[in-house]
Amino acid sequence: MNITTDVQQPWYSSVPMICIYINATIGLLTFEWAWYTTHRFRQNSPAMLELHSKFPHFRRLDVQNWARWKLWPGALTMMWPRFILASIFGVILWGIAALLLIGQDGERPVQGSRRGCMRFWYVLFVWLQGVLCWFCCYSYVYEKDVDYSEWLGPSVGLKSADVKDRASMIVSNHTGFLEVLSLISSPLMPAFTPQRQQRNAPILGPITRMLGSVYCDRGGSAE
């Protein structure tokens, strides 16, 4: 005699698969939206060629390597988990910044042991984000015999950088957030000049204040 029994699986056994399907669906939709919004970078239209001629340093020279099939696997699997993990790290850093800034005059730079403690937490979380979220690490190259005559005049000559060097100001642009994280975790750890609206922004406010940021008005007046 054959006896067949129908064993019902508990409801929670299907939860992991549901989460995988939801993650893949949201990741694919997010990727397709981002792919659509960047279509102008992938075309050699007259308007884009004119833009490249006016801003040659901002050209995307890697566009020919972009392909959906290369990006789909990451979008279907790791994109949103990485984003969520990075957000968690950011919220934790915000909480630490809010605690360390208690009693700190907002108009004065952070100094002494308080700054040293802030630097420790910043470097730790920047590296955690880089390794666990963006799959990268940071390295620094101190260039030797660099010719600055184009910018500082012919009398400057060749200059070499050293780990002990400190700059009073760094003037640069960036094409993404990884350059900002790299500067934060570098031996320089400079302050930044974000727009004034970020001073009291949720989460970003304490994080930028902890860096000793100098807030400025990005827009100009009529005068």
C-alpha atoms as a PDB file:
ATOM      1  CA  MET A   1       0.000   0.000   0.000  1.00  0.00           C
ATOM      2  CA  ASN A   2       1.340   3.427  -0.993  1.00  0.00           C
ATOM      3  CA  ILE A   3       0.421   6.291   1.301  1.00  0.00           C
ATOM      4  CA  THR A   4       0.931   9.796  -0.062  1.00  0.00           C
ATOM      5  CA  THR A   5       1.080  12.686   2.363  1.00  0.00           C
ATOM      6  CA  ASP A   6       1.004  16.344   1.417  1.00  0.00           C
ATOM      7  CA  VAL A   7       3.473  18.199   3.638  1.00  0.00           C
ATOM      8  CA  GLN A   8       2.849  21.936   3.535  1.00  0.00           C
ATOM      9  CA  GLN A   9       5.934  24.100   3.653  1.00  0.00           C
ATOM     10  CA  PRO A  10       5.930  26.926   6.238  1.00  0.00           C
ATOM     11  CA  TRP A  11       5.210  30.371   4.837  1.00  0.00           C
ATOM     12  CA  TYR A  12       8.596  31.758   5.774  1.00  0.00           C
ATOM     13  CA  SER A  13      10.446  29.252   3.590  1.00  0.00           C
ATOM     14  CA  SER A  14       9.486  31.248   0.488  1.00  0.00           C
ATOM     15  CA  VAL A  15      10.536  34.632   1.925  1.00  0.00           C
ATOM     16  CA  PRO A  16      14.182  34.447   0.690  1.00  0.00           C
ATOM     17  CA  MET A  17      13.079  33.739  -2.876  1.00  0.00           C
ATOM     18  CA  ILE A  18      10.526  36.560  -2.742  1.00  0.00           C
ATOM     19  CA  CYS A  19      13.279  38.946  -1.556  1.00  0.00           C
ATOM     20  CA  ILE A  20      15.566  37.789  -4.392  1.00  0.00           C
ATOM     21  CA  TYR A  21      12.818  38.396  -6.980  1.00  0.00           C
ATOM     22  CA  ILE A  22      11.995  41.835  -5.540  1.00  0.00           C
ATOM     23  CA  ASN A  23      15.682  42.801  -5.444  1.00  0.00           C
ATOM     24  CA  ALA A  24      16.188  41.704  -9.055  1.00  0.00           C
ATOM     25  CA  THR A  25      13.074  43.524 -10.271  1.00  0.00           C
ATOM     26  CA  ILE A  26      13.870  46.803  -8.504  1.00  0.00           C
ATOM     27  CA  GLY A  27      17.511  46.579  -9.577  1.00  0.00           C
ATOM     28  CA  LEU A  28      16.605  46.017 -13.217  1.00  0.00           C
ATOM     29  CA  LEU A  29      14.061  48.869 -13.253  1.00  0.00           C
ATOM     30  CA  THR A  30      16.552  51.241 -11.587  1.00  0.00           C
ATOM     31  CA  PHE A  31      19.273  50.300 -14.058  1.00  0.00           C
ATOM     32  CA  GLU A  32      17.016  50.770 -17.086  1.00  0.00           C
ATOM     33  CA  TRP A  33      15.985  54.191 -15.811  1.00  0.00           C
ATOM     34  CA  ALA A  34      19.644  55.182 -15.320  1.00  0.00           C
ATOM     35  CA  TRP A  35      20.551  53.782 -18.748  1.00  0.00           C
ATOM     36  CA  TYR A  36      17.819  55.878 -20.363  1.00  0.00           C
ATOM     37  CA  THR A  37      18.804  59.091 -18.577  1.00  0.00           C
ATOM     38  CA  THR A  38      22.412  58.748 -19.779  1.00  0.00           C
ATOM     39  CA  HIS A  39      21.567  58.137 -23.439  1.00  0.00           C
ATOM     40  CA  ARG A  40      23.008  61.484 -24.519  1.00  0.00           C
ATOM     41  CA  PHE A  41      26.476  60.411 -23.373  1.00  0.00           C
ATOM     42  CA  ARG A  42      26.329  57.388 -25.671  1.00  0.00           C
ATOM     43  CA  GLN A  43      25.595  59.262 -28.892  1.00  0.00           C
ATOM     44  CA  ASN A  44      27.859  61.297 -31.142  1.00  0.00           C
ATOM     45  CA  SER A  45      25.293  63.962 -31.925  1.00  0.00           C
ATOM     46  CA  PRO A  46      26.423  67.447 -33.007  1.00  0.00           C
ATOM     47  CA  ALA A  47      25.267  68.890 -29.681  1.00  0.00           C
ATOM     48  CA  MET A  48      27.322  66.360 -27.707  1.00  0.00           C
ATOM     49  CA  LEU A  49      30.400  66.859 -29.895  1.00  0.00           C
ATOM     50  CA  GLU A  50      30.097  70.619 -29.371  1.00  0.00           C
ATOM     51  CA  LEU A  51      29.826  70.074 -25.606  1.00  0.00           C
ATOM     52  CA  HIS A  52      32.951  67.908 -25.674  1.00  0.00           C
ATOM     53  CA  SER A  53      34.837  70.599 -27.563  1.00  0.00           C
ATOM     54  CA  LYS A  54      33.973  73.207 -24.927  1.00  0.00           C
ATOM     55  CA  PHE A  55      34.642  70.937 -21.925  1.00  0.00           C
ATOM     56  CA  PRO A  56      37.281  68.454 -23.120  1.00  0.00           C
ATOM     57  CA  HIS A  57      38.315  67.424 -19.611  1.00  0.00           C
ATOM     58  CA  PHE A  58      34.787  66.179 -18.850  1.00  0.00           C
ATOM     59  CA  ARG A  59      34.445  63.864 -21.843  1.00  0.00           C
ATOM     60  CA  ARG A  60      33.408  60.290 -21.111  1.00  0.00           C
ATOM     61  CA  LEU A  61      36.059  58.387 -23.029  1.00  0.00           C
ATOM     62  CA  ASP A  62      34.833  55.014 -21.773  1.00  0.00           C
ATOM     63  CA  VAL A  63      31.392  55.209 -23.394  1.00  0.00           C
ATOM     64  CA  GLN A  64      32.320  52.698 -26.064  1.00  0.00           C
ATOM     65  CA  ASN A  65      32.799  50.096 -23.319  1.00  0.00           C
ATOM     66  CA  TRP A  66      29.290  50.527 -21.899  1.00  0.00           C
ATOM     67  CA  ALA A  67      26.975  47.614 -22.611  1.00  0.00           C
ATOM     68  CA  ARG A  68      23.761  46.403 -21.026  1.00  0.00           C
ATOM     69  CA  TRP A  69      24.911  42.795 -20.753  1.00  0.00           C
ATOM     70  CA  LYS A  70      27.939  43.865 -18.722  1.00  0.00           C
ATOM     71  CA  LEU A  71      25.824  45.771 -16.206  1.00  0.00           C
ATOM     72  CA  TRP A  72      22.731  43.595 -15.904  1.00  0.00           C
ATOM     73  CA  PRO A  73      24.289  40.965 -13.566  1.00  0.00           C
ATOM     74  CA  GLY A  74      25.239  43.591 -11.006  1.00  0.00           C
ATOM     75  CA  ALA A  75      21.896  45.367 -11.339  1.00  0.00           C
ATOM     76  CA  LEU A  76      19.978  42.126 -10.757  1.00  0.00           C
ATOM     77  CA  THR A  77      22.012  41.075  -7.734  1.00  0.00           C
ATOM     78  CA  MET A  78      24.248  43.509  -5.828  1.00  0.00           C
ATOM     79  CA  MET A  79      23.225  47.048  -6.746  1.00  0.00           C
ATOM     80  CA  TRP A  80      20.496  47.658  -4.163  1.00  0.00           C
ATOM     81  CA  PRO A  81      22.105  45.665  -1.319  1.00  0.00           C
ATOM     82  CA  ARG A  82      25.239  47.769  -1.795  1.00  0.00           C
ATOM     83  CA  PHE A  83      23.195  50.972  -1.756  1.00  0.00           C
ATOM     84  CA  ILE A  84      21.355  49.932   1.414  1.00  0.00           C
ATOM     85  CA  LEU A  85      24.601  48.966   3.165  1.00  0.00           C
ATOM     86  CA  ALA A  86      26.211  52.270   2.186  1.00  0.00           C
ATOM     87  CA  SER A  87      23.163  54.130   3.546  1.00  0.00           C
ATOM     88  CA  ILE A  88      23.450  52.242   6.851  1.00  0.00           C
ATOM     89  CA  PHE A  89      27.114  53.234   7.142  1.00  0.00           C
ATOM     90  CA  GLY A  90      26.139  56.842   6.415  1.00  0.00           C
ATOM     91  CA  VAL A  91      23.457  56.877   9.124  1.00  0.00           C
ATOM     92  CA  ILE A  92      25.872  55.400  11.673  1.00  0.00           C
ATOM     93  CA  LEU A  93      28.493  58.028  10.787  1.00  0.00           C
ATOM     94  CA  TRP A  94      25.837  60.724  11.132  1.00  0.00           C
ATOM     95  CA  GLY A  95      25.021  59.494  14.646  1.00  0.00           C
ATOM     96  CA  ILE A  96      28.694  59.540  15.630  1.00  0.00           C
ATOM     97  CA  ALA A  97      29.100  63.032  14.159  1.00  0.00           C
ATOM     98  CA  ALA A  98      26.057  64.327  16.046  1.00  0.00           C
ATOM     99  CA  LEU A  99      27.479  62.992  19.336  1.00  0.00           C
ATOM    100  CA  LEU A 100      30.992  64.329  18.771  1.00  0.00           C
ATOM    101  CA  LEU A 101      29.697  67.784  17.815  1.00  0.00           C
ATOM    102  CA  ILE A 102      27.833  68.257  21.108  1.00  0.00           C
ATOM    103  CA  GLY A 103      29.135  71.470  22.651  1.00  0.00           C
ATOM    104  CA  GLN A 104      31.121  72.436  19.541  1.00  0.00           C
ATOM    105  CA  ASP A 105      30.753  76.031  18.351  1.00  0.00           C
ATOM    106  CA  GLY A 106      29.426  75.816  14.817  1.00  0.00           C
ATOM    107  CA  GLU A 107      31.376  78.914  13.775  1.00  0.00           C
ATOM    108  CA  ARG A 108      34.765  77.586  14.915  1.00  0.00           C
ATOM    109  CA  PRO A 109      36.860  74.805  13.354  1.00  0.00           C
ATOM    110  CA  VAL A 110      37.062  71.424  15.053  1.00  0.00           C
ATOM    111  CA  GLN A 111      40.452  71.012  16.694  1.00  0.00           C
ATOM    112  CA  GLY A 112      42.417  68.902  19.162  1.00  0.00           C
ATOM    113  CA  SER A 113      41.406  65.459  20.331  1.00  0.00           C
ATOM    114  CA  ARG A 114      37.882  65.944  19.003  1.00  0.00           C
ATOM    115  CA  ARG A 115      39.232  66.297  15.460  1.00  0.00           C
ATOM    116  CA  GLY A 116      41.499  63.282  15.893  1.00  0.00           C
ATOM    117  CA  CYS A 117      38.535  61.174  17.035  1.00  0.00           C
ATOM    118  CA  MET A 118      36.445  62.385  14.105  1.00  0.00           C
ATOM    119  CA  ARG A 119      39.234  61.545  11.672  1.00  0.00           C
ATOM    120  CA  PHE A 120      39.422  57.991  13.026  1.00  0.00           C
ATOM    121  CA  TRP A 121      35.707  57.357  12.483  1.00  0.00           C
ATOM    122  CA  TYR A 122      35.711  59.032   9.079  1.00  0.00           C
ATOM    123  CA  VAL A 123      38.616  56.967   7.758  1.00  0.00           C
ATOM    124  CA  LEU A 124      37.115  53.764   9.186  1.00  0.00           C
ATOM    125  CA  PHE A 125      33.704  54.220   7.579  1.00  0.00           C
ATOM    126  CA  VAL A 126      35.116  55.490   4.285  1.00  0.00           C
ATOM    127  CA  TRP A 127      37.228  52.339   3.986  1.00  0.00           C
ATOM    128  CA  LEU A 128      34.317  50.114   5.011  1.00  0.00           C
ATOM    129  CA  GLN A 129      32.170  51.719   2.339  1.00  0.00           C
ATOM    130  CA  GLY A 130      34.904  51.402  -0.258  1.00  0.00           C
ATOM    131  CA  VAL A 131      35.615  47.716   0.367  1.00  0.00           C
ATOM    132  CA  LEU A 132      32.129  46.400   1.177  1.00  0.00           C
ATOM    133  CA  CYS A 133      29.922  48.667  -0.958  1.00  0.00           C
ATOM    134  CA  TRP A 134      31.943  49.891  -3.928  1.00  0.00           C
ATOM    135  CA  PHE A 135      34.503  47.042  -4.113  1.00  0.00           C
ATOM    136  CA  CYS A 136      37.465  49.390  -4.182  1.00  0.00           C
ATOM    137  CA  CYS A 137      40.322  50.607  -2.025  1.00  0.00           C
ATOM    138  CA  TYR A 138      42.188  53.905  -1.964  1.00  0.00           C
ATOM    139  CA  SER A 139      45.832  54.557  -2.764  1.00  0.00           C
ATOM    140  CA  TYR A 140      47.880  57.740  -2.987  1.00  0.00           C
ATOM    141  CA  VAL A 141      50.755  58.604  -5.295  1.00  0.00           C
ATOM    142  CA  TYR A 142      53.151  61.421  -4.466  1.00  0.00           C
ATOM    143  CA  GLU A 143      54.316  62.601  -7.869  1.00  0.00           C
ATOM    144  CA  LYS A 144      57.950  63.450  -8.514  1.00  0.00           C
ATOM    145  CA  ASP A 145      59.328  66.221 -10.731  1.00  0.00           C
ATOM    146  CA  VAL A 146      55.974  67.695 -11.754  1.00  0.00           C
ATOM    147  CA  ASP A 147      56.120  70.704 -14.060  1.00  0.00           C
ATOM    148  CA  TYR A 148      53.748  73.394 -12.727  1.00  0.00           C
ATOM    149  CA  SER A 149      55.031  76.140 -15.001  1.00  0.00           C
ATOM    150  CA  GLU A 150      51.812  76.133 -17.045  1.00  0.00           C
ATOM    151  CA  TRP A 151      49.837  77.232 -13.977  1.00  0.00           C
ATOM    152  CA  LEU A 152      52.367  78.923 -11.681  1.00  0.00           C
ATOM    153  CA  GLY A 153      54.758  80.528 -14.141  1.00  0.00           C
ATOM    154  CA  PRO A 154      58.081  79.539 -15.764  1.00  0.00           C
ATOM    155  CA  SER A 155      60.157  80.369 -12.678  1.00  0.00           C
ATOM    156  CA  VAL A 156      58.602  77.614 -10.565  1.00  0.00           C
ATOM    157  CA  GLY A 157      60.546  74.703 -12.035  1.00  0.00           C
ATOM    158  CA  LEU A 158      59.990  71.055 -11.216  1.00  0.00           C
ATOM    159  CA  LYS A 159      58.378  70.140  -7.895  1.00  0.00           C
ATOM    160  CA  SER A 160      57.978  66.844  -6.051  1.00  0.00           C
ATOM    161  CA  ALA A 161      55.294  65.922  -3.527  1.00  0.00           C
ATOM    162  CA  ASP A 162      55.960  64.194  -0.213  1.00  0.00           C
ATOM    163  CA  VAL A 163      53.775  62.575   2.425  1.00  0.00           C
ATOM    164  CA  LYS A 164      54.743  65.345   4.851  1.00  0.00           C
ATOM    165  CA  ASP A 165      53.532  68.112   2.540  1.00  0.00           C
ATOM    166  CA  ARG A 166      50.437  70.039   3.499  1.00  0.00           C
ATOM    167  CA  ALA A 167      48.493  72.286   1.159  1.00  0.00           C
ATOM    168  CA  SER A 168      46.598  75.363   2.269  1.00  0.00           C
ATOM    169  CA  MET A 169      44.064  74.845  -0.513  1.00  0.00           C
ATOM    170  CA  ILE A 170      43.207  72.129  -3.013  1.00  0.00           C
ATOM    171  CA  VAL A 171      41.378  73.293  -6.132  1.00  0.00           C
ATOM    172  CA  SER A 172      39.884  70.409  -8.071  1.00  0.00           C
ATOM    173  CA  ASN A 173      36.725  69.056  -9.610  1.00  0.00           C
ATOM    174  CA  HIS A 174      35.332  65.563  -9.368  1.00  0.00           C
ATOM    175  CA  THR A 175      33.274  63.311 -11.593  1.00  0.00           C
ATOM    176  CA  GLY A 176      31.793  61.205  -8.782  1.00  0.00           C
ATOM    177  CA  PHE A 177      31.705  60.607  -5.056  1.00  0.00           C
ATOM    178  CA  LEU A 178      34.715  58.269  -4.939  1.00  0.00           C
ATOM    179  CA  GLU A 179      37.098  61.202  -5.372  1.00  0.00           C
ATOM    180  CA  VAL A 180      35.530  62.863  -2.323  1.00  0.00           C
ATOM    181  CA  LEU A 181      35.872  59.680  -0.256  1.00  0.00           C
ATOM    182  CA  SER A 182      39.476  59.290  -1.384  1.00  0.00           C
ATOM    183  CA  LEU A 183      40.338  62.812  -0.218  1.00  0.00           C
ATOM    184  CA  ILE A 184      38.604  62.247   3.124  1.00  0.00           C
ATOM    185  CA  SER A 185      40.601  59.091   3.816  1.00  0.00           C
ATOM    186  CA  SER A 186      43.888  60.579   2.576  1.00  0.00           C
ATOM    187  CA  PRO A 187      46.592  61.938   4.898  1.00  0.00           C
ATOM    188  CA  LEU A 188      45.440  65.455   3.949  1.00  0.00           C
ATOM    189  CA  MET A 189      41.784  64.985   5.008  1.00  0.00           C
ATOM    190  CA  PRO A 190      40.850  68.493   3.871  1.00  0.00           C
ATOM    191  CA  ALA A 191      37.775  70.501   4.741  1.00  0.00           C
ATOM    192  CA  PHE A 192      35.337  71.082   1.891  1.00  0.00           C
ATOM    193  CA  THR A 193      33.311  74.018   0.585  1.00  0.00           C
ATOM    194  CA  PRO A 194      29.780  72.641   0.140  1.00  0.00           C
ATOM    195  CA  GLN A 195      26.822  74.846  -0.597  1.00  0.00           C
ATOM    196  CA  ARG A 196      25.311  76.680   2.364  1.00  0.00           C
ATOM    197  CA  GLN A 197      22.061  74.699   2.181  1.00  0.00           C
ATOM    198  CA  GLN A 198      23.917  71.577   3.356  1.00  0.00           C
ATOM    199  CA  ARG A 199      24.772  73.104   6.719  1.00  0.00           C
ATOM    200  CA  ASN A 200      21.406  72.216   8.253  1.00  0.00           C
ATOM    201  CA  ALA A 201      20.484  69.376   5.917  1.00  0.00           C
ATOM    202  CA  PRO A 202      19.352  66.088   7.502  1.00  0.00           C
ATOM    203  CA  ILE A 203      22.217  63.593   7.938  1.00  0.00           C
ATOM    204  CA  LEU A 204      24.537  65.583   5.636  1.00  0.00           C
ATOM    205  CA  GLY A 205      24.640  68.557   8.026  1.00  0.00           C
ATOM    206  CA  PRO A 206      26.581  66.962  10.922  1.00  0.00           C
ATOM    207  CA  ILE A 207      28.699  64.880   8.529  1.00  0.00           C
ATOM    208  CA  THR A 208      29.902  67.937   6.596  1.00  0.00           C
ATOM    209  CA  ARG A 209      30.334  70.008   9.787  1.00  0.00           C
ATOM    210  CA  MET A 210      32.505  67.254  11.267  1.00  0.00           C
ATOM    211  CA  LEU A 211      34.885  67.726   8.329  1.00  0.00           C
ATOM    212  CA  GLY A 212      35.290  71.393   9.212  1.00  0.00           C
ATOM    213  CA  SER A 213      33.557  72.483   6.019  1.00  0.00           C
ATOM    214  CA  VAL A 214      33.440  76.121   4.981  1.00  0.00           C
ATOM    215  CA  TYR A 215      29.959  76.703   3.571  1.00  0.00           C
ATOM    216  CA  CYS A 216      29.525  79.071   0.656  1.00  0.00           C
ATOM    217  CA  ASP A 217      26.850  80.456  -1.602  1.00  0.00           C
ATOM    218  CA  ARG A 218      27.104  78.648  -4.926  1.00  0.00           C
ATOM    219  CA  GLY A 219      24.936  81.156  -6.746  1.00  0.00           C
ATOM    220  CA  GLY A 220      25.860  84.765  -7.536  1.00  0.00           C
ATOM    221  CA  SER A 221      23.768  87.854  -6.888  1.00  0.00           C
ATOM    222  CA  ALA A 222      22.488  90.154  -9.619  1.00  0.00           C
ATOM    223  CA  GLU A 223      25.358  92.550  -8.881  1.00  0.00           C
END
